[in-house]
């Protein structure tokens, strides 16, 4: 099953909020039978620190400016 970035973002946001950490992503991967590496590659543009992602669009826009 090919996971889209939009699906990953919405699912993680619904379960854990807009700021997720590595443990949240690993738990999500276990529930969805996918690998941590695959998901983190798709979330690369939302990364704000080591093992931390901010899934809000506002933060993403601010970082790009």
PDB file of N, CA and C in Angstrom:
ATOM      1  N   UNK A   1       0.844  -1.180   0.000  1.00  0.00           N
ATOM      2  CA  UNK A   1       0.000   0.000   0.000  1.00  0.00           C
ATOM      3  C   UNK A   1       0.886   1.239   0.000  1.00  0.00           C
ATOM      4  N   UNK A   2       0.658   2.117  -0.951  1.00  0.00           N
ATOM      5  CA  UNK A   2       1.421   3.356  -1.034  1.00  0.00           C
ATOM      6  C   UNK A   2       0.764   4.416  -0.157  1.00  0.00           C
ATOM      7  N   UNK A   3       1.520   4.926   0.764  1.00  0.00           N
ATOM      8  CA  UNK A   3       1.001   5.954   1.664  1.00  0.00           C
ATOM      9  C   UNK A   3       1.309   7.334   1.099  1.00  0.00           C
ATOM     10  N   UNK A   4       0.279   8.174   1.027  1.00  0.00           N
ATOM     11  CA  UNK A   4       0.519   9.534   0.562  1.00  0.00           C
ATOM     12  C   UNK A   4       0.932  10.409   1.743  1.00  0.00           C
ATOM     13  N   UNK A   5       1.644  11.448   1.454  1.00  0.00           N
ATOM     14  CA  UNK A   5       2.082  12.380   2.493  1.00  0.00           C
ATOM     15  C   UNK A   5       0.882  13.020   3.182  1.00  0.00           C
ATOM     16  N   UNK A   6      -0.153  13.337   2.410  1.00  0.00           N
ATOM     17  CA  UNK A   6      -1.349  13.949   2.978  1.00  0.00           C
ATOM     18  C   UNK A   6      -2.024  13.024   3.988  1.00  0.00           C
ATOM     19  N   UNK A   7      -2.097  11.737   3.659  1.00  0.00           N
ATOM     20  CA  UNK A   7      -2.694  10.766   4.582  1.00  0.00           C
ATOM     21  C   UNK A   7      -1.876  10.662   5.870  1.00  0.00           C
ATOM     22  N   UNK A   8      -0.572  10.600   5.721  1.00  0.00           N
ATOM     23  CA  UNK A   8       0.298  10.501   6.898  1.00  0.00           C
ATOM     24  C   UNK A   8       0.130  11.729   7.777  1.00  0.00           C
ATOM     25  N   UNK A   9       0.149  12.910   7.165  1.00  0.00           N
ATOM     26  CA  UNK A   9       0.003  14.159   7.922  1.00  0.00           C
ATOM     27  C   UNK A   9      -1.324  14.229   8.665  1.00  0.00           C
ATOM     28  N   UNK A  10      -2.417  13.934   7.978  1.00  0.00           N
ATOM     29  CA  UNK A  10      -3.727  14.031   8.615  1.00  0.00           C
ATOM     30  C   UNK A  10      -3.900  12.989   9.710  1.00  0.00           C
ATOM     31  N   UNK A  11      -3.423  11.792   9.479  1.00  0.00           N
ATOM     32  CA  UNK A  11      -3.556  10.735  10.475  1.00  0.00           C
ATOM     33  C   UNK A  11      -2.716  11.032  11.720  1.00  0.00           C
ATOM     34  N   UNK A  12      -1.473  11.432  11.543  1.00  0.00           N
ATOM     35  CA  UNK A  12      -0.622  11.775  12.678  1.00  0.00           C
ATOM     36  C   UNK A  12      -1.191  12.962  13.452  1.00  0.00           C
ATOM     37  N   UNK A  13      -1.679  13.949  12.728  1.00  0.00           N
ATOM     38  CA  UNK A  13      -2.236  15.137  13.364  1.00  0.00           C
ATOM     39  C   UNK A  13      -3.485  14.797  14.175  1.00  0.00           C
ATOM     40  N   UNK A  14      -4.331  13.929  13.641  1.00  0.00           N
ATOM     41  CA  UNK A  14      -5.547  13.528  14.363  1.00  0.00           C
ATOM     42  C   UNK A  14      -5.228  12.745  15.623  1.00  0.00           C
ATOM     43  N   UNK A  15      -4.210  11.897  15.559  1.00  0.00           N
ATOM     44  CA  UNK A  15      -3.874  11.058  16.707  1.00  0.00           C
ATOM     45  C   UNK A  15      -3.029  11.767  17.759  1.00  0.00           C
ATOM     46  N   UNK A  16      -2.031  12.543  17.316  1.00  0.00           N
ATOM     47  CA  UNK A  16      -1.031  13.061  18.254  1.00  0.00           C
ATOM     48  C   UNK A  16      -0.935  14.584  18.307  1.00  0.00           C
ATOM     49  N   UNK A  17      -1.679  15.295  17.483  1.00  0.00           N
ATOM     50  CA  UNK A  17      -1.579  16.752  17.457  1.00  0.00           C
ATOM     51  C   UNK A  17      -0.626  17.203  16.362  1.00  0.00           C
ATOM     52  N   UNK A  18      -0.383  18.509  16.319  1.00  0.00           N
ATOM     53  CA  UNK A  18       0.435  19.070  15.243  1.00  0.00           C
ATOM     54  C   UNK A  18       1.933  18.928  15.470  1.00  0.00           C
ATOM     55  N   UNK A  19       2.350  18.706  16.702  1.00  0.00           N
ATOM     56  CA  UNK A  19       3.766  18.508  16.981  1.00  0.00           C
ATOM     57  C   UNK A  19       3.973  17.065  17.429  1.00  0.00           C
ATOM     58  N   UNK A  20       4.725  16.317  16.633  1.00  0.00           N
ATOM     59  CA  UNK A  20       4.946  14.905  16.933  1.00  0.00           C
ATOM     60  C   UNK A  20       6.432  14.648  17.155  1.00  0.00           C
ATOM     61  N   UNK A  21       6.711  13.607  17.896  1.00  0.00           N
ATOM     62  CA  UNK A  21       8.088  13.199  18.162  1.00  0.00           C
ATOM     63  C   UNK A  21       8.290  11.795  17.595  1.00  0.00           C
ATOM     64  N   UNK A  22       9.527  11.338  17.650  1.00  0.00           N
ATOM     65  CA  UNK A  22       9.875  10.056  17.050  1.00  0.00           C
ATOM     66  C   UNK A  22       9.041   8.902  17.617  1.00  0.00           C
ATOM     67  N   UNK A  23       8.765   8.937  18.919  1.00  0.00           N
ATOM     68  CA  UNK A  23       7.974   7.850  19.519  1.00  0.00           C
ATOM     69  C   UNK A  23       6.566   7.812  18.933  1.00  0.00           C
ATOM     70  N   UNK A  24       5.980   8.982  18.660  1.00  0.00           N
ATOM     71  CA  UNK A  24       4.647   9.038  18.043  1.00  0.00           C
ATOM     72  C   UNK A  24       4.688   8.444  16.639  1.00  0.00           C
ATOM     73  N   UNK A  25       5.718   8.799  15.882  1.00  0.00           N
ATOM     74  CA  UNK A  25       5.837   8.298  14.507  1.00  0.00           C
ATOM     75  C   UNK A  25       6.053   6.789  14.513  1.00  0.00           C
ATOM     76  N   UNK A  26       6.877   6.301  15.434  1.00  0.00           N
ATOM     77  CA  UNK A  26       7.111   4.848  15.520  1.00  0.00           C
ATOM     78  C   UNK A  26       5.819   4.102  15.882  1.00  0.00           C
ATOM     79  N   UNK A  27       5.030   4.650  16.794  1.00  0.00           N
ATOM     80  CA  UNK A  27       3.763   4.020  17.173  1.00  0.00           C
ATOM     81  C   UNK A  27       2.800   4.019  15.986  1.00  0.00           C
ATOM     82  N   UNK A  28       2.755   5.124  15.248  1.00  0.00           N
ATOM     83  CA  UNK A  28       1.889   5.208  14.075  1.00  0.00           C
ATOM     84  C   UNK A  28       2.308   4.178  13.027  1.00  0.00           C
ATOM     85  N   UNK A  29       3.610   4.032  12.848  1.00  0.00           N
ATOM     86  CA  UNK A  29       4.128   3.044  11.884  1.00  0.00           C
ATOM     87  C   UNK A  29       3.724   1.626  12.279  1.00  0.00           C
ATOM     88  N   UNK A  30       3.776   1.331  13.558  1.00  0.00           N
ATOM     89  CA  UNK A  30       3.389  -0.001  14.029  1.00  0.00           C
ATOM     90  C   UNK A  30       1.906  -0.254  13.781  1.00  0.00           C
ATOM     91  N   UNK A  31       1.076   0.762  13.972  1.00  0.00           N
ATOM     92  CA  UNK A  31      -0.369   0.608  13.758  1.00  0.00           C
ATOM     93  C   UNK A  31      -0.721   0.478  12.279  1.00  0.00           C
ATOM     94  N   UNK A  32       0.115   1.056  11.405  1.00  0.00           N
ATOM     95  CA  UNK A  32      -0.187   1.070   9.974  1.00  0.00           C
ATOM     96  C   UNK A  32       0.706   0.144   9.158  1.00  0.00           C
ATOM     97  N   UNK A  33       1.458  -0.710   9.822  1.00  0.00           N
ATOM     98  CA  UNK A  33       2.300  -1.716   9.169  1.00  0.00           C
ATOM     99  C   UNK A  33       3.199  -1.119   8.092  1.00  0.00           C
ATOM    100  N   UNK A  34       3.922  -0.075   8.466  1.00  0.00           N
ATOM    101  CA  UNK A  34       4.894   0.527   7.567  1.00  0.00           C
ATOM    102  C   UNK A  34       6.183   0.790   8.340  1.00  0.00           C
ATOM    103  N   UNK A  35       7.227   1.165   7.644  1.00  0.00           N
ATOM    104  CA  UNK A  35       8.500   1.361   8.320  1.00  0.00           C
ATOM    105  C   UNK A  35       8.706   2.821   8.705  1.00  0.00           C
ATOM    106  N   UNK A  36       9.454   3.013   9.752  1.00  0.00           N
ATOM    107  CA  UNK A  36       9.770   4.346  10.270  1.00  0.00           C
ATOM    108  C   UNK A  36      10.523   5.167   9.220  1.00  0.00           C
ATOM    109  N   UNK A  37      11.449   4.545   8.520  1.00  0.00           N
ATOM    110  CA  UNK A  37      12.245   5.247   7.526  1.00  0.00           C
ATOM    111  C   UNK A  37      11.381   5.789   6.388  1.00  0.00           C
ATOM    112  N   UNK A  38      10.422   5.016   5.944  1.00  0.00           N
ATOM    113  CA  UNK A  38       9.539   5.450   4.866  1.00  0.00           C
ATOM    114  C   UNK A  38       8.756   6.689   5.268  1.00  0.00           C
ATOM    115  N   UNK A  39       8.216   6.671   6.465  1.00  0.00           N
ATOM    116  CA  UNK A  39       7.396   7.790   6.930  1.00  0.00           C
ATOM    117  C   UNK A  39       8.252   9.033   7.165  1.00  0.00           C
ATOM    118  N   UNK A  40       9.412   8.863   7.774  1.00  0.00           N
ATOM    119  CA  UNK A  40      10.244  10.033   8.056  1.00  0.00           C
ATOM    120  C   UNK A  40      10.766  10.683   6.774  1.00  0.00           C
ATOM    121  N   UNK A  41      10.979   9.916   5.727  1.00  0.00           N
ATOM    122  CA  UNK A  41      11.369  10.503   4.446  1.00  0.00           C
ATOM    123  C   UNK A  41      10.269  11.394   3.899  1.00  0.00           C
ATOM    124  N   UNK A  42       9.026  10.969   4.063  1.00  0.00           N
ATOM    125  CA  UNK A  42       7.902  11.760   3.573  1.00  0.00           C
ATOM    126  C   UNK A  42       7.651  12.997   4.437  1.00  0.00           C
ATOM    127  N   UNK A  43       8.072  12.956   5.687  1.00  0.00           N
ATOM    128  CA  UNK A  43       7.880  14.088   6.597  1.00  0.00           C
ATOM    129  C   UNK A  43       9.100  15.000   6.670  1.00  0.00           C
ATOM    130  N   UNK A  44      10.075  14.794   5.821  1.00  0.00           N
ATOM    131  CA  UNK A  44      11.346  15.514   5.903  1.00  0.00           C
ATOM    132  C   UNK A  44      11.168  17.032   5.886  1.00  0.00           C
ATOM    133  N   UNK A  45      10.251  17.547   5.078  1.00  0.00           N
ATOM    134  CA  UNK A  45      10.079  18.998   4.983  1.00  0.00           C
ATOM    135  C   UNK A  45       9.405  19.601   6.216  1.00  0.00           C
ATOM    136  N   UNK A  46       8.862  18.779   7.091  1.00  0.00           N
ATOM    137  CA  UNK A  46       8.210  19.263   8.316  1.00  0.00           C
ATOM    138  C   UNK A  46       9.106  19.129   9.543  1.00  0.00           C
ATOM    139  N   UNK A  47      10.313  18.651   9.363  1.00  0.00           N
ATOM    140  CA  UNK A  47      11.215  18.397  10.482  1.00  0.00           C
ATOM    141  C   UNK A  47      11.704  19.716  11.075  1.00  0.00           C
ATOM    142  N   UNK A  48      11.638  19.828  12.404  1.00  0.00           N
ATOM    143  CA  UNK A  48      12.085  21.046  13.080  1.00  0.00           C
ATOM    144  C   UNK A  48      13.265  20.779  14.006  1.00  0.00           C
ATOM    145  N   UNK A  49      13.583  19.534  14.245  1.00  0.00           N
ATOM    146  CA  UNK A  49      14.698  19.177  15.110  1.00  0.00           C
ATOM    147  C   UNK A  49      14.894  17.673  15.063  1.00  0.00           C
ATOM    148  N   UNK A  50      15.864  17.205  15.813  1.00  0.00           N
ATOM    149  CA  UNK A  50      16.140  15.772  15.825  1.00  0.00           C
ATOM    150  C   UNK A  50      14.976  15.027  16.481  1.00  0.00           C
ATOM    151  N   UNK A  51      14.285  14.215  15.693  1.00  0.00           N
ATOM    152  CA  UNK A  51      13.163  13.440  16.200  1.00  0.00           C
ATOM    153  C   UNK A  51      11.923  14.264  16.479  1.00  0.00           C
ATOM    154  N   UNK A  52      11.801  15.455  15.852  1.00  0.00           N
ATOM    155  CA  UNK A  52      10.643  16.325  16.069  1.00  0.00           C
ATOM    156  C   UNK A  52      10.134  16.860  14.742  1.00  0.00           C
ATOM    157  N   UNK A  53       8.820  16.840  14.595  1.00  0.00           N
ATOM    158  CA  UNK A  53       8.178  17.357  13.399  1.00  0.00           C
ATOM    159  C   UNK A  53       7.026  18.255  13.796  1.00  0.00           C
ATOM    160  N   UNK A  54       6.841  19.351  13.060  1.00  0.00           N
ATOM    161  CA  UNK A  54       5.701  20.234  13.246  1.00  0.00           C
ATOM    162  C   UNK A  54       4.870  20.131  11.977  1.00  0.00           C
ATOM    163  N   UNK A  55       3.640  19.667  12.108  1.00  0.00           N
ATOM    164  CA  UNK A  55       2.820  19.339  10.947  1.00  0.00           C
ATOM    165  C   UNK A  55       1.933  20.481  10.476  1.00  0.00           C
ATOM    166  N   UNK A  56       2.071  21.663  11.055  1.00  0.00           N
ATOM    167  CA  UNK A  56       1.217  22.773  10.656  1.00  0.00           C
ATOM    168  C   UNK A  56       1.768  23.451   9.417  1.00  0.00           C
ATOM    169  N   UNK A  57       0.870  23.929   8.597  1.00  0.00           N
ATOM    170  CA  UNK A  57       1.250  24.608   7.370  1.00  0.00           C
ATOM    171  C   UNK A  57       1.898  25.951   7.697  1.00  0.00           C
ATOM    172  N   UNK A  58       1.416  26.638   8.728  1.00  0.00           N
ATOM    173  CA  UNK A  58       1.950  27.939   9.110  1.00  0.00           C
ATOM    174  C   UNK A  58       3.438  27.855   9.401  1.00  0.00           C
ATOM    175  N   UNK A  59       3.826  26.883  10.199  1.00  0.00           N
ATOM    176  CA  UNK A  59       5.234  26.715  10.542  1.00  0.00           C
ATOM    177  C   UNK A  59       6.062  26.409   9.292  1.00  0.00           C
ATOM    178  N   UNK A  60       5.515  25.611   8.407  1.00  0.00           N
ATOM    179  CA  UNK A  60       6.239  25.251   7.194  1.00  0.00           C
ATOM    180  C   UNK A  60       6.484  26.493   6.336  1.00  0.00           C
ATOM    181  N   UNK A  61       5.493  27.369   6.231  1.00  0.00           N
ATOM    182  CA  UNK A  61       5.644  28.587   5.454  1.00  0.00           C
ATOM    183  C   UNK A  61       6.658  29.523   6.082  1.00  0.00           C
ATOM    184  N   UNK A  62       6.634  29.654   7.388  1.00  0.00           N
ATOM    185  CA  UNK A  62       7.589  30.517   8.072  1.00  0.00           C
ATOM    186  C   UNK A  62       9.017  30.028   7.886  1.00  0.00           C
ATOM    187  N   UNK A  63       9.223  28.732   7.907  1.00  0.00           N
ATOM    188  CA  UNK A  63      10.557  28.185   7.732  1.00  0.00           C
ATOM    189  C   UNK A  63      11.071  28.417   6.318  1.00  0.00           C
ATOM    190  N   UNK A  64      10.193  28.381   5.329  1.00  0.00           N
ATOM    191  CA  UNK A  64      10.629  28.558   3.949  1.00  0.00           C
ATOM    192  C   UNK A  64      10.982  30.008   3.651  1.00  0.00           C
ATOM    193  N   UNK A  65      10.417  30.948   4.407  1.00  0.00           N
ATOM    194  CA  UNK A  65      10.753  32.362   4.199  1.00  0.00           C
ATOM    195  C   UNK A  65      12.023  32.677   4.911  1.00  0.00           C
TER     196      UNK A  65
END
